[in-house]
């Protein structure tokens, strides 16, 4: 299985996404980054918008995984939500 990161543009909104593919190449779904850095030295808030997928778990052939993008990994609710959704491993 492999998570693939890319960005999506819908109108003026740009979000960072990860598509998760299982070992057989089947697309399992997408996750959009939820937290956008906002502070000195961070410029992302001027370009990217928060996603609307919530924190997800993806059932793969080898186990259920959760994937966090960049800033999301620093928030405990991301790990908690993915674990409660069934994730065995977090990336």
PDB file of N, CA and C in Angstrom:
ATOM      1  N   UNK A   1       0.840  -1.164   0.000  1.00  0.00           N
ATOM      2  CA  UNK A   1       0.000   0.000   0.000  1.00  0.00           C
ATOM      3  C   UNK A   1       0.881   1.220   0.000  1.00  0.00           C
ATOM      4  N   UNK A   2       0.316   2.319  -0.480  1.00  0.00           N
ATOM      5  CA  UNK A   2       1.112   3.548  -0.562  1.00  0.00           C
ATOM      6  C   UNK A   2       0.210   4.776  -0.424  1.00  0.00           C
ATOM      7  N   UNK A   3       0.617   5.744   0.415  1.00  0.00           N
ATOM      8  CA  UNK A   3      -0.079   7.037   0.445  1.00  0.00           C
ATOM      9  C   UNK A   3       0.600   7.986  -0.555  1.00  0.00           C
ATOM     10  N   UNK A   4      -0.190   8.708  -1.334  1.00  0.00           N
ATOM     11  CA  UNK A   4       0.330   9.617  -2.351  1.00  0.00           C
ATOM     12  C   UNK A   4      -0.151  11.021  -2.031  1.00  0.00           C
ATOM     13  N   UNK A   5       0.785  11.936  -1.820  1.00  0.00           N
ATOM     14  CA  UNK A   5       0.452  13.311  -1.467  1.00  0.00           C
ATOM     15  C   UNK A   5       0.388  14.184  -2.718  1.00  0.00           C
ATOM     16  N   UNK A   6      -0.601  15.067  -2.764  1.00  0.00           N
ATOM     17  CA  UNK A   6      -0.738  16.019  -3.864  1.00  0.00           C
ATOM     18  C   UNK A   6      -1.633  17.168  -3.406  1.00  0.00           C
ATOM     19  N   UNK A   7      -1.763  18.204  -4.232  1.00  0.00           N
ATOM     20  CA  UNK A   7      -2.667  19.279  -3.864  1.00  0.00           C
ATOM     21  C   UNK A   7      -3.837  19.325  -4.834  1.00  0.00           C
ATOM     22  N   UNK A   8      -4.926  19.905  -4.365  1.00  0.00           N
ATOM     23  CA  UNK A   8      -6.158  19.991  -5.144  1.00  0.00           C
ATOM     24  C   UNK A   8      -6.605  21.447  -5.162  1.00  0.00           C
ATOM     25  N   UNK A   9      -7.023  21.922  -6.307  1.00  0.00           N
ATOM     26  CA  UNK A   9      -7.552  23.270  -6.407  1.00  0.00           C
ATOM     27  C   UNK A   9      -9.006  23.202  -6.825  1.00  0.00           C
ATOM     28  N   UNK A  10      -9.862  23.840  -6.039  1.00  0.00           N
ATOM     29  CA  UNK A  10     -11.290  23.942  -6.339  1.00  0.00           C
ATOM     30  C   UNK A  10     -11.642  25.421  -6.270  1.00  0.00           C
ATOM     31  N   UNK A  11     -11.764  26.055  -7.408  1.00  0.00           N
ATOM     32  CA  UNK A  11     -11.972  27.502  -7.420  1.00  0.00           C
ATOM     33  C   UNK A  11     -10.727  28.191  -6.889  1.00  0.00           C
ATOM     34  N   UNK A  12     -10.902  29.032  -5.868  1.00  0.00           N
ATOM     35  CA  UNK A  12      -9.766  29.733  -5.263  1.00  0.00           C
ATOM     36  C   UNK A  12      -9.185  28.968  -4.081  1.00  0.00           C
ATOM     37  N   UNK A  13      -9.816  27.865  -3.711  1.00  0.00           N
ATOM     38  CA  UNK A  13      -9.351  27.079  -2.570  1.00  0.00           C
ATOM     39  C   UNK A  13      -8.366  26.000  -3.006  1.00  0.00           C
ATOM     40  N   UNK A  14      -7.244  25.932  -2.301  1.00  0.00           N
ATOM     41  CA  UNK A  14      -6.251  24.897  -2.539  1.00  0.00           C
ATOM     42  C   UNK A  14      -6.107  24.108  -1.245  1.00  0.00           C
ATOM     43  N   UNK A  15      -6.187  22.783  -1.332  1.00  0.00           N
ATOM     44  CA  UNK A  15      -5.992  21.925  -0.170  1.00  0.00           C
ATOM     45  C   UNK A  15      -4.903  20.907  -0.474  1.00  0.00           C
ATOM     46  N   UNK A  16      -4.229  20.462   0.569  1.00  0.00           N
ATOM     47  CA  UNK A  16      -3.248  19.405   0.447  1.00  0.00           C
ATOM     48  C   UNK A  16      -3.962  18.098   0.749  1.00  0.00           C
ATOM     49  N   UNK A  17      -3.730  17.074  -0.080  1.00  0.00           N
ATOM     50  CA  UNK A  17      -4.444  15.804   0.044  1.00  0.00           C
ATOM     51  C   UNK A  17      -3.479  14.634   0.040  1.00  0.00           C
ATOM     52  N   UNK A  18      -3.968  13.539   0.559  1.00  0.00           N
ATOM     53  CA  UNK A  18      -3.283  12.257   0.421  1.00  0.00           C
ATOM     54  C   UNK A  18      -4.315  11.245  -0.053  1.00  0.00           C
ATOM     55  N   UNK A  19      -3.989  10.552  -1.141  1.00  0.00           N
ATOM     56  CA  UNK A  19      -4.800   9.428  -1.608  1.00  0.00           C
ATOM     57  C   UNK A  19      -4.096   8.168  -1.132  1.00  0.00           C
ATOM     58  N   UNK A  20      -4.851   7.223  -0.609  1.00  0.00           N
ATOM     59  CA  UNK A  20      -4.275   5.973  -0.125  1.00  0.00           C
ATOM     60  C   UNK A  20      -4.670   4.854  -1.079  1.00  0.00           C
ATOM     61  N   UNK A  21      -3.665   4.095  -1.539  1.00  0.00           N
ATOM     62  CA  UNK A  21      -3.866   2.973  -2.446  1.00  0.00           C
ATOM     63  C   UNK A  21      -3.451   1.688  -1.755  1.00  0.00           C
ATOM     64  N   UNK A  22      -4.240   0.642  -1.943  1.00  0.00           N
ATOM     65  CA  UNK A  22      -3.936  -0.656  -1.346  1.00  0.00           C
ATOM     66  C   UNK A  22      -2.893  -1.382  -2.199  1.00  0.00           C
ATOM     67  N   UNK A  23      -2.437  -2.521  -1.736  1.00  0.00           N
ATOM     68  CA  UNK A  23      -1.393  -3.298  -2.409  1.00  0.00           C
ATOM     69  C   UNK A  23      -1.794  -3.717  -3.823  1.00  0.00           C
ATOM     70  N   UNK A  24      -3.085  -3.863  -4.086  1.00  0.00           N
ATOM     71  CA  UNK A  24      -3.549  -4.261  -5.420  1.00  0.00           C
ATOM     72  C   UNK A  24      -3.804  -3.060  -6.337  1.00  0.00           C
ATOM     73  N   UNK A  25      -3.497  -1.836  -5.868  1.00  0.00           N
ATOM     74  CA  UNK A  25      -3.673  -0.629  -6.662  1.00  0.00           C
ATOM     75  C   UNK A  25      -5.028   0.032  -6.500  1.00  0.00           C
ATOM     76  N   UNK A  26      -5.904  -0.567  -5.715  1.00  0.00           N
ATOM     77  CA  UNK A  26      -7.248  -0.014  -5.498  1.00  0.00           C
ATOM     78  C   UNK A  26      -7.162   1.249  -4.639  1.00  0.00           C
ATOM     79  N   UNK A  27      -7.838   2.319  -5.081  1.00  0.00           N
ATOM     80  CA  UNK A  27      -7.888   3.566  -4.309  1.00  0.00           C
ATOM     81  C   UNK A  27      -8.820   3.374  -3.117  1.00  0.00           C
ATOM     82  N   UNK A  28      -8.320   3.670  -1.905  1.00  0.00           N
ATOM     83  CA  UNK A  28      -9.109   3.497  -0.688  1.00  0.00           C
ATOM     84  C   UNK A  28      -9.787   4.781  -0.233  1.00  0.00           C
ATOM     85  N   UNK A  29      -9.332   5.908  -0.733  1.00  0.00           N
ATOM     86  CA  UNK A  29      -9.935   7.185  -0.361  1.00  0.00           C
ATOM     87  C   UNK A  29      -8.899   8.272  -0.220  1.00  0.00           C
ATOM     88  N   UNK A  30      -9.371   9.447   0.164  1.00  0.00           N
ATOM     89  CA  UNK A  30      -8.486  10.603   0.317  1.00  0.00           C
ATOM     90  C   UNK A  30      -8.683  11.236   1.691  1.00  0.00           C
ATOM     91  N   UNK A  31      -7.654  11.943   2.094  1.00  0.00           N
ATOM     92  CA  UNK A  31      -7.673  12.737   3.322  1.00  0.00           C
ATOM     93  C   UNK A  31      -7.142  14.113   2.965  1.00  0.00           C
ATOM     94  N   UNK A  32      -7.772  15.158   3.467  1.00  0.00           N
ATOM     95  CA  UNK A  32      -7.319  16.536   3.235  1.00  0.00           C
ATOM     96  C   UNK A  32      -6.772  17.116   4.535  1.00  0.00           C
ATOM     97  N   UNK A  33      -5.630  17.772   4.434  1.00  0.00           N
ATOM     98  CA  UNK A  33      -4.977  18.379   5.598  1.00  0.00           C
ATOM     99  C   UNK A  33      -5.936  19.323   6.320  1.00  0.00           C
ATOM    100  N   UNK A  34      -6.023  19.175   7.648  1.00  0.00           N
ATOM    101  CA  UNK A  34      -6.978  19.945   8.442  1.00  0.00           C
ATOM    102  C   UNK A  34      -6.399  21.220   9.045  1.00  0.00           C
ATOM    103  N   UNK A  35      -5.174  21.144   9.548  1.00  0.00           N
ATOM    104  CA  UNK A  35      -4.581  22.293  10.243  1.00  0.00           C
ATOM    105  C   UNK A  35      -3.613  23.037   9.329  1.00  0.00           C
ATOM    106  N   UNK A  36      -3.821  24.326   9.196  1.00  0.00           N
ATOM    107  CA  UNK A  36      -2.943  25.183   8.395  1.00  0.00           C
ATOM    108  C   UNK A  36      -2.114  26.026   9.356  1.00  0.00           C
ATOM    109  N   UNK A  37      -0.766  25.954   9.253  1.00  0.00           N
ATOM    110  CA  UNK A  37       0.075  26.741  10.163  1.00  0.00           C
ATOM    111  C   UNK A  37      -0.258  28.229  10.099  1.00  0.00           C
ATOM    112  N   UNK A  38      -0.269  28.855  11.261  1.00  0.00           N
ATOM    113  CA  UNK A  38      -0.564  30.280  11.356  1.00  0.00           C
ATOM    114  C   UNK A  38       0.342  30.870  12.427  1.00  0.00           C
ATOM    115  N   UNK A  39       1.382  31.529  12.008  1.00  0.00           N
ATOM    116  CA  UNK A  39       2.306  32.118  12.959  1.00  0.00           C
ATOM    117  C   UNK A  39       3.456  32.768  12.215  1.00  0.00           C
ATOM    118  N   UNK A  40       4.380  33.373  12.953  1.00  0.00           N
ATOM    119  CA  UNK A  40       5.522  34.039  12.322  1.00  0.00           C
ATOM    120  C   UNK A  40       6.307  33.069  11.431  1.00  0.00           C
ATOM    121  N   UNK A  41       6.561  33.480  10.216  1.00  0.00           N
ATOM    122  CA  UNK A  41       7.335  32.665   9.291  1.00  0.00           C
ATOM    123  C   UNK A  41       6.516  31.680   8.470  1.00  0.00           C
ATOM    124  N   UNK A  42       5.253  31.483   8.814  1.00  0.00           N
ATOM    125  CA  UNK A  42       4.403  30.562   8.053  1.00  0.00           C
ATOM    126  C   UNK A  42       3.527  31.362   7.104  1.00  0.00           C
ATOM    127  N   UNK A  43       3.573  31.004   5.842  1.00  0.00           N
ATOM    128  CA  UNK A  43       2.797  31.714   4.825  1.00  0.00           C
ATOM    129  C   UNK A  43       1.671  30.864   4.238  1.00  0.00           C
ATOM    130  N   UNK A  44       1.545  29.612   4.674  1.00  0.00           N
ATOM    131  CA  UNK A  44       0.553  28.695   4.093  1.00  0.00           C
ATOM    132  C   UNK A  44      -0.875  29.219   4.182  1.00  0.00           C
ATOM    133  N   UNK A  45      -1.170  29.952   5.252  1.00  0.00           N
ATOM    134  CA  UNK A  45      -2.549  30.425   5.440  1.00  0.00           C
ATOM    135  C   UNK A  45      -3.012  31.334   4.300  1.00  0.00           C
ATOM    136  N   UNK A  46      -2.069  31.879   3.541  1.00  0.00           N
ATOM    137  CA  UNK A  46      -2.423  32.748   2.427  1.00  0.00           C
ATOM    138  C   UNK A  46      -2.709  31.966   1.144  1.00  0.00           C
ATOM    139  N   UNK A  47      -2.381  30.675   1.130  1.00  0.00           N
ATOM    140  CA  UNK A  47      -2.532  29.869  -0.075  1.00  0.00           C
ATOM    141  C   UNK A  47      -3.475  28.677   0.092  1.00  0.00           C
ATOM    142  N   UNK A  48      -3.404  28.015   1.251  1.00  0.00           N
ATOM    143  CA  UNK A  48      -4.146  26.781   1.459  1.00  0.00           C
ATOM    144  C   UNK A  48      -5.334  26.968   2.392  1.00  0.00           C
ATOM    145  N   UNK A  49      -6.351  26.175   2.187  1.00  0.00           N
ATOM    146  CA  UNK A  49      -7.530  26.151   3.052  1.00  0.00           C
ATOM    147  C   UNK A  49      -7.582  24.810   3.769  1.00  0.00           C
ATOM    148  N   UNK A  50      -8.164  24.756   4.968  1.00  0.00           N
ATOM    149  CA  UNK A  50      -8.301  23.473   5.673  1.00  0.00           C
ATOM    150  C   UNK A  50      -9.217  22.523   4.898  1.00  0.00           C
ATOM    151  N   UNK A  51      -8.899  21.241   4.989  1.00  0.00           N
ATOM    152  CA  UNK A  51      -9.714  20.228   4.328  1.00  0.00           C
ATOM    153  C   UNK A  51     -11.005  19.959   5.070  1.00  0.00           C
ATOM    154  N   UNK A  52     -11.861  19.132   4.459  1.00  0.00           N
ATOM    155  CA  UNK A  52     -13.168  18.861   5.035  1.00  0.00           C
ATOM    156  C   UNK A  52     -13.454  17.362   5.188  1.00  0.00           C
ATOM    157  N   UNK A  53     -12.407  16.536   5.184  1.00  0.00           N
ATOM    158  CA  UNK A  53     -12.636  15.092   5.267  1.00  0.00           C
ATOM    159  C   UNK A  53     -12.616  14.560   6.696  1.00  0.00           C
ATOM    160  N   UNK A  54     -12.115  15.350   7.629  1.00  0.00           N
ATOM    161  CA  UNK A  54     -11.919  14.825   8.974  1.00  0.00           C
ATOM    162  C   UNK A  54     -10.763  13.834   8.974  1.00  0.00           C
ATOM    163  N   UNK A  55     -10.409  13.337  10.143  1.00  0.00           N
ATOM    164  CA  UNK A  55      -9.306  12.383  10.251  1.00  0.00           C
ATOM    165  C   UNK A  55      -9.848  10.993   9.973  1.00  0.00           C
ATOM    166  N   UNK A  56      -9.187  10.240   9.108  1.00  0.00           N
ATOM    167  CA  UNK A  56      -9.711   8.971   8.620  1.00  0.00           C
ATOM    168  C   UNK A  56      -8.761   7.812   8.892  1.00  0.00           C
ATOM    169  N   UNK A  57      -9.301   6.625   8.842  1.00  0.00           N
ATOM    170  CA  UNK A  57      -8.525   5.387   8.884  1.00  0.00           C
ATOM    171  C   UNK A  57      -8.850   4.614   7.609  1.00  0.00           C
ATOM    172  N   UNK A  58      -7.838   3.988   7.022  1.00  0.00           N
ATOM    173  CA  UNK A  58      -8.001   3.261   5.770  1.00  0.00           C
ATOM    174  C   UNK A  58      -7.649   1.794   5.990  1.00  0.00           C
ATOM    175  N   UNK A  59      -8.592   0.912   5.699  1.00  0.00           N
ATOM    176  CA  UNK A  59      -8.369  -0.531   5.858  1.00  0.00           C
ATOM    177  C   UNK A  59      -7.627  -1.058   4.638  1.00  0.00           C
ATOM    178  N   UNK A  60      -6.352  -1.436   4.826  1.00  0.00           N
ATOM    179  CA  UNK A  60      -5.545  -1.985   3.742  1.00  0.00           C
ATOM    180  C   UNK A  60      -5.440  -3.500   3.929  1.00  0.00           C
ATOM    181  N   UNK A  61      -4.842  -4.139   2.964  1.00  0.00           N
ATOM    182  CA  UNK A  61      -4.643  -5.581   3.027  1.00  0.00           C
ATOM    183  C   UNK A  61      -3.799  -5.976   4.248  1.00  0.00           C
ATOM    184  N   UNK A  62      -2.906  -5.102   4.679  1.00  0.00           N
ATOM    185  CA  UNK A  62      -1.964  -5.430   5.740  1.00  0.00           C
ATOM    186  C   UNK A  62      -2.320  -4.849   7.101  1.00  0.00           C
ATOM    187  N   UNK A  63      -3.388  -4.098   7.181  1.00  0.00           N
ATOM    188  CA  UNK A  63      -3.807  -3.480   8.432  1.00  0.00           C
ATOM    189  C   UNK A  63      -4.461  -2.145   8.156  1.00  0.00           C
ATOM    190  N   UNK A  64      -5.009  -1.546   9.190  1.00  0.00           N
ATOM    191  CA  UNK A  64      -5.698  -0.264   9.039  1.00  0.00           C
ATOM    192  C   UNK A  64      -4.739   0.853   9.416  1.00  0.00           C
ATOM    193  N   UNK A  65      -4.628   1.854   8.540  1.00  0.00           N
ATOM    194  CA  UNK A  65      -3.679   2.942   8.757  1.00  0.00           C
ATOM    195  C   UNK A  65      -4.402   4.279   8.835  1.00  0.00           C
ATOM    196  N   UNK A  66      -3.766   5.220   9.523  1.00  0.00           N
ATOM    197  CA  UNK A  66      -4.192   6.605   9.537  1.00  0.00           C
ATOM    198  C   UNK A  66      -3.044   7.429   8.976  1.00  0.00           C
ATOM    199  N   UNK A  67      -3.358   8.489   8.242  1.00  0.00           N
ATOM    200  CA  UNK A  67      -2.330   9.326   7.628  1.00  0.00           C
ATOM    201  C   UNK A  67      -2.589  10.775   8.010  1.00  0.00           C
ATOM    202  N   UNK A  68      -1.564  11.439   8.547  1.00  0.00           N
ATOM    203  CA  UNK A  68      -1.654  12.866   8.868  1.00  0.00           C
ATOM    204  C   UNK A  68      -0.682  13.621   7.970  1.00  0.00           C
ATOM    205  N   UNK A  69      -1.066  14.796   7.559  1.00  0.00           N
ATOM    206  CA  UNK A  69      -0.225  15.618   6.694  1.00  0.00           C
ATOM    207  C   UNK A  69       0.398  16.734   7.512  1.00  0.00           C
ATOM    208  N   UNK A  70       1.707  16.816   7.472  1.00  0.00           N
ATOM    209  CA  UNK A  70       2.486  17.936   7.999  1.00  0.00           C
ATOM    210  C   UNK A  70       2.041  18.395   9.390  1.00  0.00           C
ATOM    211  N   UNK A  71       1.442  19.547   9.469  1.00  0.00           N
ATOM    212  CA  UNK A  71       1.071  20.200  10.736  1.00  0.00           C
ATOM    213  C   UNK A  71       0.075  19.376  11.541  1.00  0.00           C
ATOM    214  N   UNK A  72      -0.755  18.582  10.868  1.00  0.00           N
ATOM    215  CA  UNK A  72      -1.770  17.767  11.557  1.00  0.00           C
ATOM    216  C   UNK A  72      -1.162  16.806  12.571  1.00  0.00           C
ATOM    217  N   UNK A  73       0.068  16.341  12.294  1.00  0.00           N
ATOM    218  CA  UNK A  73       0.680  15.356  13.185  1.00  0.00           C
ATOM    219  C   UNK A  73       0.997  15.916  14.575  1.00  0.00           C
ATOM    220  N   UNK A  74       0.975  17.225  14.734  1.00  0.00           N
ATOM    221  CA  UNK A  74       1.305  17.836  16.025  1.00  0.00           C
ATOM    222  C   UNK A  74       0.092  18.006  16.931  1.00  0.00           C
ATOM    223  N   UNK A  75      -1.080  17.672  16.449  1.00  0.00           N
ATOM    224  CA  UNK A  75      -2.298  17.828  17.230  1.00  0.00           C
ATOM    225  C   UNK A  75      -2.774  16.467  17.726  1.00  0.00           C
ATOM    226  N   UNK A  76      -2.888  16.277  19.037  1.00  0.00           N
ATOM    227  CA  UNK A  76      -3.263  14.969  19.567  1.00  0.00           C
ATOM    228  C   UNK A  76      -4.633  14.479  19.117  1.00  0.00           C
ATOM    229  N   UNK A  77      -5.545  15.390  18.793  1.00  0.00           N
ATOM    230  CA  UNK A  77      -6.860  14.924  18.369  1.00  0.00           C
ATOM    231  C   UNK A  77      -6.796  14.180  17.038  1.00  0.00           C
ATOM    232  N   UNK A  78      -5.797  14.477  16.202  1.00  0.00           N
ATOM    233  CA  UNK A  78      -5.645  13.758  14.936  1.00  0.00           C
ATOM    234  C   UNK A  78      -5.351  12.285  15.202  1.00  0.00           C
ATOM    235  N   UNK A  79      -4.367  12.015  16.048  1.00  0.00           N
ATOM    236  CA  UNK A  79      -4.015  10.630  16.388  1.00  0.00           C
ATOM    237  C   UNK A  79      -5.170   9.941  17.104  1.00  0.00           C
ATOM    238  N   UNK A  80      -5.803  10.641  17.994  1.00  0.00           N
ATOM    239  CA  UNK A  80      -6.923  10.067  18.747  1.00  0.00           C
ATOM    240  C   UNK A  80      -8.078   9.705  17.805  1.00  0.00           C
ATOM    241  N   UNK A  81      -8.429  10.595  16.887  1.00  0.00           N
ATOM    242  CA  UNK A  81      -9.534  10.353  15.964  1.00  0.00           C
ATOM    243  C   UNK A  81      -9.227   9.180  15.030  1.00  0.00           C
ATOM    244  N   UNK A  82      -7.993   9.114  14.516  1.00  0.00           N
ATOM    245  CA  UNK A  82      -7.641   8.011  13.622  1.00  0.00           C
ATOM    246  C   UNK A  82      -7.622   6.684  14.361  1.00  0.00           C
ATOM    247  N   UNK A  83      -7.155   6.688  15.598  1.00  0.00           N
ATOM    248  CA  UNK A  83      -7.143   5.469  16.404  1.00  0.00           C
ATOM    249  C   UNK A  83      -8.570   5.012  16.708  1.00  0.00           C
ATOM    250  N   UNK A  84      -9.430   5.948  17.074  1.00  0.00           N
ATOM    251  CA  UNK A  84     -10.823   5.603  17.340  1.00  0.00           C
ATOM    252  C   UNK A  84     -11.546   5.107  16.083  1.00  0.00           C
ATOM    253  N   UNK A  85     -11.052   5.537  14.911  1.00  0.00           N
ATOM    254  CA  UNK A  85     -11.630   5.073  13.644  1.00  0.00           C
ATOM    255  C   UNK A  85     -11.084   3.704  13.243  1.00  0.00           C
ATOM    256  N   UNK A  86     -10.151   3.162  14.047  1.00  0.00           N
ATOM    257  CA  UNK A  86      -9.651   1.815  13.793  1.00  0.00           C
ATOM    258  C   UNK A  86      -8.230   1.700  13.319  1.00  0.00           C
ATOM    259  N   UNK A  87      -7.483   2.809  13.227  1.00  0.00           N
ATOM    260  CA  UNK A  87      -6.106   2.745  12.724  1.00  0.00           C
ATOM    261  C   UNK A  87      -5.208   1.963  13.675  1.00  0.00           C
ATOM    262  N   UNK A  88      -4.432   1.039  13.092  1.00  0.00           N
ATOM    263  CA  UNK A  88      -3.437   0.272  13.850  1.00  0.00           C
ATOM    264  C   UNK A  88      -2.088   0.981  13.832  1.00  0.00           C
ATOM    265  N   UNK A  89      -1.816   1.699  12.734  1.00  0.00           N
ATOM    266  CA  UNK A  89      -0.544   2.398  12.528  1.00  0.00           C
ATOM    267  C   UNK A  89      -0.854   3.777  12.011  1.00  0.00           C
ATOM    268  N   UNK A  90      -0.086   4.777  12.449  1.00  0.00           N
ATOM    269  CA  UNK A  90      -0.241   6.156  11.963  1.00  0.00           C
ATOM    270  C   UNK A  90       0.978   6.554  11.170  1.00  0.00           C
ATOM    271  N   UNK A  91       0.733   7.177  10.024  1.00  0.00           N
ATOM    272  CA  UNK A  91       1.820   7.706   9.192  1.00  0.00           C
ATOM    273  C   UNK A  91       1.700   9.204   9.161  1.00  0.00           C
TER     274      UNK A  91
END
